[in-house]
PDB file of N, CA and C in Angstrom:
ATOM      1  N   MET A   1     -81.878  47.774  39.383  1.00  0.00           N
ATOM      2  CA  MET A   1     -82.816  47.232  39.698  1.00  0.00           C
ATOM      3  C   MET A   1     -83.956  47.673  40.352  1.00  0.00           C
ATOM      4  N   ASN A   2     -83.682  48.585  41.260  1.00  0.00           N
ATOM      5  CA  ASN A   2     -84.710  49.429  41.948  1.00  0.00           C
ATOM      6  C   ASN A   2     -85.493  50.346  41.197  1.00  0.00           C
ATOM      7  N   THR A   3     -84.853  50.876  40.147  1.00  0.00           N
ATOM      8  CA  THR A   3     -85.387  51.798  39.422  1.00  0.00           C
ATOM      9  C   THR A   3     -86.685  50.883  38.433  1.00  0.00           C
ATOM     10  N   LEU A   4     -86.138  50.021  38.127  1.00  0.00           N
ATOM     11  CA  LEU A   4     -87.090  48.816  37.240  1.00  0.00           C
ATOM     12  C   LEU A   4     -88.164  48.478  38.166  1.00  0.00           C
ATOM     13  N   VAL A   5     -87.972  48.456  39.430  1.00  0.00           N
ATOM     14  CA  VAL A   5     -89.362  47.987  40.181  1.00  0.00           C
ATOM     15  C   VAL A   5     -90.142  49.299  40.690  1.00  0.00           C
ATOM     16  N   VAL A   6     -89.475  50.503  40.709  1.00  0.00           N
ATOM     17  CA  VAL A   6     -90.296  51.609  40.748  1.00  0.00           C
ATOM     18  C   VAL A   6     -91.006  51.887  39.433  1.00  0.00           C
ATOM     19  N   VAL A   7     -90.553  51.702  38.376  1.00  0.00           N
ATOM     20  CA  VAL A   7     -91.529  52.004  37.057  1.00  0.00           C
ATOM     21  C   VAL A   7     -92.323  51.062  37.005  1.00  0.00           C
ATOM     22  N   LEU A   8     -92.018  49.693  37.242  1.00  0.00           N
ATOM     23  CA  LEU A   8     -92.983  48.940  37.050  1.00  0.00           C
ATOM     24  C   LEU A   8     -94.343  49.190  38.019  1.00  0.00           C
ATOM     25  N   LEU A   9     -94.164  49.556  39.356  1.00  0.00           N
ATOM     26  CA  LEU A   9     -95.026  49.647  40.284  1.00  0.00           C
ATOM     27  C   LEU A   9     -95.899  51.086  39.861  1.00  0.00           C
ATOM     28  N   VAL A  10     -95.410  51.955  39.233  1.00  0.00           N
ATOM     29  CA  VAL A  10     -95.616  53.035  38.799  1.00  0.00           C
ATOM     30  C   VAL A  10     -96.846  53.007  37.784  1.00  0.00           C
ATOM     31  N   ALA A  11     -96.312  51.879  36.970  1.00  0.00           N
ATOM     32  CA  ALA A  11     -96.989  51.781  35.424  1.00  0.00           C
ATOM     33  C   ALA A  11     -98.291  50.745  36.335  1.00  0.00           C
ATOM     34  N   ALA A  12     -98.077  49.784  37.149  1.00  0.00           N
ATOM     35  CA  ALA A  12     -99.310  49.167  37.805  1.00  0.00           C
ATOM     36  C   ALA A  12    -100.299  50.048  38.293  1.00  0.00           C
ATOM     37  N   VAL A  13    -100.009  51.022  39.069  1.00  0.00           N
ATOM     38  CA  VAL A  13    -100.709  51.928  39.757  1.00  0.00           C
ATOM     39  C   VAL A  13    -101.350  52.804  38.826  1.00  0.00           C
ATOM     40  N   ALA A  14    -100.720  53.326  37.614  1.00  0.00           N
ATOM     41  CA  ALA A  14    -101.395  54.015  36.666  1.00  0.00           C
ATOM     42  C   ALA A  14    -102.417  53.221  35.789  1.00  0.00           C
ATOM     43  N   ALA A  15    -102.066  52.054  35.409  1.00  0.00           N
ATOM     44  CA  ALA A  15    -103.206  51.096  35.133  1.00  0.00           C
ATOM     45  C   ALA A  15    -104.234  50.916  35.918  1.00  0.00           C
ATOM     46  N   ALA A  16    -104.222  50.674  37.008  1.00  0.00           N
ATOM     47  CA  ALA A  16    -105.250  50.456  38.074  1.00  0.00           C
ATOM     48  C   ALA A  16    -106.195  51.795  38.216  1.00  0.00           C
ATOM     49  N   GLY A  17    -105.420  52.838  38.221  1.00  0.00           N
ATOM     50  CA  GLY A  17    -106.137  54.232  38.208  1.00  0.00           C
ATOM     51  C   GLY A  17    -106.878  54.439  37.001  1.00  0.00           C
ATOM     52  N   TRP A  18    -106.212  54.089  36.014  1.00  0.00           N
ATOM     53  CA  TRP A  18    -107.228  53.959  34.427  1.00  0.00           C
ATOM     54  C   TRP A  18    -108.297  53.125  34.697  1.00  0.00           C
ATOM     55  N   VAL A  19    -108.367  51.976  35.138  1.00  0.00           N
ATOM     56  CA  VAL A  19    -109.422  51.078  35.330  1.00  0.00           C
ATOM     57  C   VAL A  19    -110.401  51.700  36.122  1.00  0.00           C
ATOM     58  N   VAL A  20    -110.143  52.313  37.329  1.00  0.00           N
ATOM     59  CA  VAL A  20    -110.964  52.835  37.880  1.00  0.00           C
ATOM     60  C   VAL A  20    -111.695  54.190  37.433  1.00  0.00           C
ATOM     61  N   TRP A  21    -110.738  54.740  36.901  1.00  0.00           N
ATOM     62  CA  TRP A  21    -111.512  56.086  36.011  1.00  0.00           C
ATOM     63  C   TRP A  21    -112.391  55.571  35.125  1.00  0.00           C
ATOM     64  N   LYS A  22    -112.425  54.382  34.391  1.00  0.00           N
ATOM     65  CA  LYS A  22    -113.364  54.110  33.374  1.00  0.00           C
ATOM     66  C   LYS A  22    -114.543  53.278  34.014  1.00  0.00           C
ATOM     67  N   LEU A  23    -114.638  52.945  35.337  1.00  0.00           N
ATOM     68  CA  LEU A  23    -115.226  52.374  36.075  1.00  0.00           C
ATOM     69  C   LEU A  23    -116.433  53.623  36.557  1.00  0.00           C
ATOM     70  N   ILE A  24    -115.534  54.694  37.142  1.00  0.00           N
ATOM     71  CA  ILE A  24    -116.367  55.735  37.402  1.00  0.00           C
ATOM     72  C   ILE A  24    -117.167  56.414  36.454  1.00  0.00           C
ATOM     73  N   LYS A  25    -116.593  56.610  35.287  1.00  0.00           N
ATOM     74  CA  LYS A  25    -117.508  56.961  34.269  1.00  0.00           C
ATOM     75  C   LYS A  25    -118.567  56.121  33.630  1.00  0.00           C
ATOM     76  N   ASP A  26    -118.692  54.970  33.744  1.00  0.00           N
ATOM     77  CA  ASP A  26    -119.580  54.020  33.476  1.00  0.00           C
ATOM     78  C   ASP A  26    -119.407  52.593  34.207  1.00  0.00           C
ATOM     79  N   PRO A  27    -120.217  52.864  35.313  1.00  0.00           N
ATOM     80  CA  PRO A  27    -119.858  51.608  36.467  1.00  0.00           C
ATOM     81  C   PRO A  27    -120.339  50.304  35.799  1.00  0.00           C
ATOM     82  N   ASP A  28    -121.749  50.252  35.108  1.00  0.00           N
ATOM     83  CA  ASP A  28    -122.125  49.231  34.696  1.00  0.00           C
ATOM     84  C   ASP A  28    -121.849  48.582  33.207  1.00  0.00           C
ATOM     85  N   LYS A  29    -120.556  48.380  32.895  1.00  0.00           N
ATOM     86  CA  LYS A  29    -120.094  48.217  31.623  1.00  0.00           C
ATOM     87  C   LYS A  29    -120.867  47.150  30.967  1.00  0.00           C
ATOM     88  N   ASN A  30    -121.468  46.023  31.398  1.00  0.00           N
ATOM     89  CA  ASN A  30    -122.280  45.044  30.514  1.00  0.00           C
ATOM     90  C   ASN A  30    -123.688  45.235  30.777  1.00  0.00           C
ATOM     91  N   ASP A  31    -123.987  46.312  31.350  1.00  0.00           N
ATOM     92  CA  ASP A  31    -125.373  46.454  31.197  1.00  0.00           C
ATOM     93  C   ASP A  31    -126.482  45.390  31.780  1.00  0.00           C
ATOM     94  N   ASP A  32    -126.116  44.966  32.977  1.00  0.00           N
ATOM     95  CA  ASP A  32    -126.901  43.789  33.750  1.00  0.00           C
ATOM     96  C   ASP A  32    -127.610  44.395  35.021  1.00  0.00           C
ATOM     97  N   GLY A  33    -127.319  45.447  34.979  1.00  0.00           N
ATOM     98  CA  GLY A  33    -127.973  46.066  36.132  1.00  0.00           C
ATOM     99  C   GLY A  33    -127.077  46.095  37.521  1.00  0.00           C
ATOM    100  N   VAL A  34    -126.021  45.285  37.558  1.00  0.00           N
ATOM    101  CA  VAL A  34    -125.195  45.112  38.751  1.00  0.00           C
ATOM    102  C   VAL A  34    -123.885  45.563  38.476  1.00  0.00           C
ATOM    103  N   VAL A  35    -123.266  46.271  39.472  1.00  0.00           N
ATOM    104  CA  VAL A  35    -121.661  46.588  39.118  1.00  0.00           C
ATOM    105  C   VAL A  35    -120.930  45.162  39.988  1.00  0.00           C
ATOM    106  N   ASP A  36    -120.133  44.417  39.317  1.00  0.00           N
ATOM    107  CA  ASP A  36    -119.461  43.287  39.795  1.00  0.00           C
ATOM    108  C   ASP A  36    -118.137  43.143  39.046  1.00  0.00           C
ATOM    109  N   HIS A  37    -117.438  42.033  39.275  1.00  0.00           N
ATOM    110  CA  HIS A  37    -116.145  41.824  38.759  1.00  0.00           C
ATOM    111  C   HIS A  37    -116.180  41.649  37.364  1.00  0.00           C
ATOM    112  N   LYS A  38    -117.264  41.348  36.944  1.00  0.00           N
ATOM    113  CA  LYS A  38    -117.498  41.243  35.152  1.00  0.00           C
ATOM    114  C   LYS A  38    -117.293  42.503  34.748  1.00  0.00           C
ATOM    115  N   ASP A  39    -117.775  43.534  35.253  1.00  0.00           N
ATOM    116  CA  ASP A  39    -117.581  44.799  35.069  1.00  0.00           C
ATOM    117  C   ASP A  39    -116.123  45.533  35.030  1.00  0.00           C
ATOM    118  N   VAL A  40    -115.464  45.031  36.142  1.00  0.00           N
ATOM    119  CA  VAL A  40    -113.974  45.251  36.111  1.00  0.00           C
ATOM    120  C   VAL A  40    -112.917  44.599  35.032  1.00  0.00           C
ATOM    121  N   VAL A  41    -113.436  43.393  34.659  1.00  0.00           N
ATOM    122  CA  VAL A  41    -112.785  42.845  33.765  1.00  0.00           C
ATOM    123  C   VAL A  41    -113.005  43.357  32.274  1.00  0.00           C
ATOM    124  N   VAL A  42    -114.400  43.830  32.069  1.00  0.00           N
ATOM    125  CA  VAL A  42    -114.551  44.653  30.764  1.00  0.00           C
ATOM    126  C   VAL A  42    -113.898  45.880  30.783  1.00  0.00           C
ATOM    127  N   ALA A  43    -113.780  46.585  31.811  1.00  0.00           N
ATOM    128  CA  ALA A  43    -112.955  47.899  31.867  1.00  0.00           C
ATOM    129  C   ALA A  43    -111.246  47.538  31.752  1.00  0.00           C
ATOM    130  N   ALA A  44    -110.854  46.673  32.323  1.00  0.00           N
ATOM    131  CA  ALA A  44    -109.518  46.096  32.251  1.00  0.00           C
ATOM    132  C   ALA A  44    -109.046  45.696  30.688  1.00  0.00           C
ATOM    133  N   LYS A  45    -110.185  45.144  29.987  1.00  0.00           N
ATOM    134  CA  LYS A  45    -109.976  44.964  28.606  1.00  0.00           C
ATOM    135  C   LYS A  45    -109.867  45.892  27.919  1.00  0.00           C
ATOM    136  N   GLU A  46    -110.740  46.848  28.245  1.00  0.00           N
ATOM    137  CA  GLU A  46    -110.776  48.364  27.362  1.00  0.00           C
ATOM    138  C   GLU A  46    -109.433  49.101  27.453  1.00  0.00           C
ATOM    139  N   VAL A  47    -109.059  49.100  28.682  1.00  0.00           N
ATOM    140  CA  VAL A  47    -107.631  49.710  28.920  1.00  0.00           C
ATOM    141  C   VAL A  47    -106.656  48.866  28.384  1.00  0.00           C
ATOM    142  N   ALA A  48    -106.536  47.664  28.366  1.00  0.00           N
ATOM    143  CA  ALA A  48    -105.515  46.830  27.764  1.00  0.00           C
ATOM    144  C   ALA A  48    -105.489  47.069  26.113  1.00  0.00           C
ATOM    145  N   ALA A  49    -106.843  47.418  25.561  1.00  0.00           N
ATOM    146  CA  ALA A  49    -106.803  47.704  23.849  1.00  0.00           C
ATOM    147  C   ALA A  49    -106.332  49.011  23.990  1.00  0.00           C
ATOM    148  N   GLU A  50    -106.710  49.871  24.813  1.00  0.00           N
ATOM    149  CA  GLU A  50    -106.311  51.251  24.505  1.00  0.00           C
ATOM    150  C   GLU A  50    -104.661  51.436  24.766  1.00  0.00           C
ATOM    151  N   VAL A  51    -104.204  50.870  25.600  1.00  0.00           N
ATOM    152  CA  VAL A  51    -102.533  50.751  25.775  1.00  0.00           C
ATOM    153  C   VAL A  51    -102.226  50.095  24.470  1.00  0.00           C
ATOM    154  N   LYS A  52    -102.352  48.812  24.032  1.00  0.00           N
ATOM    155  CA  LYS A  52    -101.871  48.351  22.842  1.00  0.00           C
ATOM    156  C   LYS A  52    -101.890  49.136  21.675  1.00  0.00           C
ATOM    157  N   THR A  53    -103.090  49.809  21.560  1.00  0.00           N
ATOM    158  CA  THR A  53    -103.072  50.859  20.291  1.00  0.00           C
ATOM    159  C   THR A  53    -102.070  52.038  20.484  1.00  0.00           C
ATOM    160  N   GLU A  54    -101.963  52.482  21.629  1.00  0.00           N
ATOM    161  CA  GLU A  54    -100.898  53.478  21.969  1.00  0.00           C
ATOM    162  C   GLU A  54     -99.418  53.074  21.753  1.00  0.00           C
ATOM    163  N   ALA A  55     -99.257  51.754  22.133  1.00  0.00           N
ATOM    164  CA  ALA A  55     -97.904  51.133  22.011  1.00  0.00           C
ATOM    165  C   ALA A  55     -97.401  50.935  20.663  1.00  0.00           C
ATOM    166  N   VAL A  56     -98.386  50.574  19.810  1.00  0.00           N
ATOM    167  CA  VAL A  56     -98.240  50.186  18.401  1.00  0.00           C
ATOM    168  C   VAL A  56     -97.892  51.677  17.713  1.00  0.00           C
ATOM    169  N   LYS A  57     -98.773  52.658  18.124  1.00  0.00           N
ATOM    170  CA  LYS A  57     -98.629  54.127  17.532  1.00  0.00           C
ATOM    171  C   LYS A  57     -97.058  54.442  17.861  1.00  0.00           C
ATOM    172  N   VAL A  58     -96.739  54.455  19.128  1.00  0.00           N
ATOM    173  CA  VAL A  58     -95.193  54.678  19.396  1.00  0.00           C
ATOM    174  C   VAL A  58     -94.159  54.098  18.988  1.00  0.00           C
ATOM    175  N   ALA A  59     -94.332  52.496  18.804  1.00  0.00           N
ATOM    176  CA  ALA A  59     -93.405  51.824  18.135  1.00  0.00           C
ATOM    177  C   ALA A  59     -93.314  52.299  16.473  1.00  0.00           C
ATOM    178  N   GLU A  60     -94.416  52.586  15.929  1.00  0.00           N
ATOM    179  CA  GLU A  60     -94.192  52.867  14.487  1.00  0.00           C
ATOM    180  C   GLU A  60     -93.529  53.968  14.352  1.00  0.00           C
ATOM    181  N   LYS A  61     -93.867  55.136  15.463  1.00  0.00           N
ATOM    182  CA  LYS A  61     -93.032  56.448  15.158  1.00  0.00           C
ATOM    183  C   LYS A  61     -91.672  56.399  15.561  1.00  0.00           C
ATOM    184  N   VAL A  62     -91.321  55.494  16.404  1.00  0.00           N
ATOM    185  CA  VAL A  62     -89.985  55.228  16.661  1.00  0.00           C
ATOM    186  C   VAL A  62     -89.073  54.511  15.460  1.00  0.00           C
ATOM    187  N   THR A  63     -89.853  53.393  15.133  1.00  0.00           N
ATOM    188  CA  THR A  63     -89.397  52.758  13.749  1.00  0.00           C
ATOM    189  C   THR A  63     -89.099  53.785  12.599  1.00  0.00           C
ATOM    190  N   GLU A  64     -89.979  54.634  12.258  1.00  0.00           N
ATOM    191  CA  GLU A  64     -89.986  55.588  11.368  1.00  0.00           C
ATOM    192  C   GLU A  64     -88.713  56.606  11.579  1.00  0.00           C
ATOM    193  N   GLN A  65     -88.492  56.922  12.745  1.00  0.00           N
ATOM    194  CA  GLN A  65     -87.711  57.916  13.144  1.00  0.00           C
ATOM    195  C   GLN A  65     -86.122  57.021  12.743  1.00  0.00           C
ATOM    196  N   VAL A  66     -86.125  55.811  13.304  1.00  0.00           N
ATOM    197  CA  VAL A  66     -84.751  55.321  13.353  1.00  0.00           C
ATOM    198  C   VAL A  66     -84.626  55.261  11.627  1.00  0.00           C
ATOM    199  N   LYS A  67     -85.476  54.695  10.890  1.00  0.00           N
ATOM    200  CA  LYS A  67     -85.334  54.483   9.473  1.00  0.00           C
ATOM    201  C   LYS A  67     -84.705  55.661   8.796  1.00  0.00           C
ATOM    202  N   LYS A  68     -85.326  56.886   9.260  1.00  0.00           N
ATOM    203  CA  LYS A  68     -84.778  58.160   8.811  1.00  0.00           C
ATOM    204  C   LYS A  68     -83.467  58.567   9.154  1.00  0.00           C
ATOM    205  N   SER A  69     -83.202  57.973  10.572  1.00  0.00           N
ATOM    206  CA  SER A  69     -81.820  58.454  10.999  1.00  0.00           C
ATOM    207  C   SER A  69     -80.821  57.550  10.044  1.00  0.00           C
ATOM    208  N   ARG A  70     -81.048  56.542  10.123  1.00  0.00           N
ATOM    209  CA  ARG A  70     -80.217  55.579   9.204  1.00  0.00           C
ATOM    210  C   ARG A  70     -80.022  55.970   7.969  1.00  0.00           C
ATOM    211  N   ALA A  71     -81.185  56.457   7.111  1.00  0.00           N
ATOM    212  CA  ALA A  71     -80.874  56.770   5.918  1.00  0.00           C
ATOM    213  C   ALA A  71     -80.007  58.125   5.572  1.00  0.00           C
ATOM    214  N   LYS A  72     -80.102  58.882   6.435  1.00  0.00           N
ATOM    215  CA  LYS A  72     -79.351  60.110   6.784  1.00  0.00           C
ATOM    216  C   LYS A  72     -77.893  59.823   6.757  1.00  0.00           C
ATOM    217  N   LYS A  73     -77.549  58.650   7.532  1.00  0.00           N
ATOM    218  CA  LYS A  73     -76.063  58.351   8.044  1.00  0.00           C
ATOM    219  C   LYS A  73     -75.658  57.609   6.783  1.00  0.00           C
ATOM    220  N   ALA A  74     -76.526  56.826   5.990  1.00  0.00           N
ATOM    221  CA  ALA A  74     -76.104  55.939   4.829  1.00  0.00           C
ATOM    222  C   ALA A  74     -75.545  56.859   3.599  1.00  0.00           C
ATOM    223  N   LYS A  75     -76.261  58.087   3.611  1.00  0.00           N
ATOM    224  CA  LYS A  75     -75.963  59.184   2.471  1.00  0.00           C
ATOM    225  C   LYS A  75     -74.592  59.821   2.683  1.00  0.00           C
TER     226      LYS A  75
END
Protein backbone atom coordinates (compact mmCIF):
# COMPACT_ATOMS: atom_id res chain seq x y z
CA MET A 1 0.00 0.00 0.00
CA ASN A 2 2.80 2.41 0.89
CA THR A 3 4.55 1.66 -2.38
CA LEU A 4 1.40 2.54 -4.31
CA VAL A 5 1.09 5.85 -2.49
CA VAL A 6 4.73 6.68 -3.21
CA VAL A 7 4.34 5.79 -6.90
CA LEU A 8 1.22 7.96 -7.18
CA LEU A 9 2.94 10.87 -5.45
CA VAL A 10 5.95 10.60 -7.74
CA ALA A 11 3.67 10.50 -10.77
CA ALA A 12 1.77 13.57 -9.55
CA VAL A 13 4.98 15.50 -8.94
CA ALA A 14 6.31 14.48 -12.35
CA ALA A 15 3.09 15.61 -14.05
CA ALA A 16 3.15 18.93 -12.20
CA GLY A 17 6.78 19.39 -13.20
CA TRP A 18 5.91 18.65 -16.80
CA VAL A 19 3.17 21.31 -16.75
CA VAL A 20 5.58 23.81 -15.20
CA TRP A 21 8.16 22.98 -17.87
CA LYS A 22 5.60 23.65 -20.61
CA LEU A 23 4.73 26.98 -18.98
CA ILE A 24 8.40 27.94 -18.72
CA LYS A 25 8.91 27.23 -22.42
CA ASP A 26 5.78 29.16 -23.49
CA PRO A 27 4.07 30.98 -20.60
CA ASP A 28 1.22 32.57 -22.58
CA LYS A 29 -0.36 29.49 -24.14
CA ASN A 30 -3.54 31.15 -25.40
CA ASP A 31 -1.81 34.35 -26.64
CA ASP A 32 -4.08 36.73 -24.74
CA GLY A 33 -1.19 38.76 -23.33
CA VAL A 34 -1.68 37.57 -19.75
CA VAL A 35 -0.33 34.50 -17.99
CA ASP A 36 -3.23 33.16 -15.94
CA HIS A 37 -5.04 29.98 -14.95
CA LYS A 38 -6.29 29.48 -18.51
CA ASP A 39 -2.69 29.01 -19.64
CA VAL A 40 -2.16 26.38 -16.94
CA VAL A 41 -5.27 24.53 -18.13
CA VAL A 42 -4.00 24.53 -21.71
CA ALA A 43 -0.58 23.28 -20.59
CA ALA A 44 -2.20 20.54 -18.48
CA LYS A 45 -4.32 19.44 -21.45
CA GLU A 46 -1.20 19.27 -23.62
CA VAL A 47 0.55 17.12 -21.02
CA ALA A 48 -2.51 14.86 -20.74
CA ALA A 49 -2.61 14.40 -24.51
CA GLU A 50 1.11 13.56 -24.62
CA VAL A 51 0.78 11.09 -21.74
CA LYS A 52 -2.19 9.42 -23.43
CA THR A 53 -0.27 9.08 -26.70
CA GLU A 54 2.72 7.53 -24.95
CA ALA A 55 0.49 5.21 -22.91
CA VAL A 56 -1.19 3.95 -26.09
CA LYS A 57 2.22 3.31 -27.69
CA VAL A 58 3.41 1.35 -24.66
CA ALA A 59 0.16 -0.63 -24.45
CA GLU A 60 0.39 -1.54 -28.14
CA LYS A 61 4.02 -2.65 -27.74
CA VAL A 62 3.16 -4.78 -24.70
CA THR A 63 0.18 -6.31 -26.49
CA GLU A 64 2.38 -7.17 -29.46
CA GLN A 65 4.98 -8.80 -27.22
CA VAL A 66 2.33 -10.85 -25.40
CA LYS A 67 0.87 -12.04 -28.70
CA LYS A 68 4.34 -13.09 -29.90
CA SER A 69 5.00 -14.89 -26.63
CA ARG A 70 1.71 -16.75 -26.79
CA ALA A 71 2.30 -17.70 -30.43
CA LYS A 72 5.68 -19.21 -29.49
CA LYS A 73 4.10 -21.22 -26.65
CA ALA A 74 1.31 -22.48 -28.92
CA LYS A 75 3.84 -24.00 -31.34
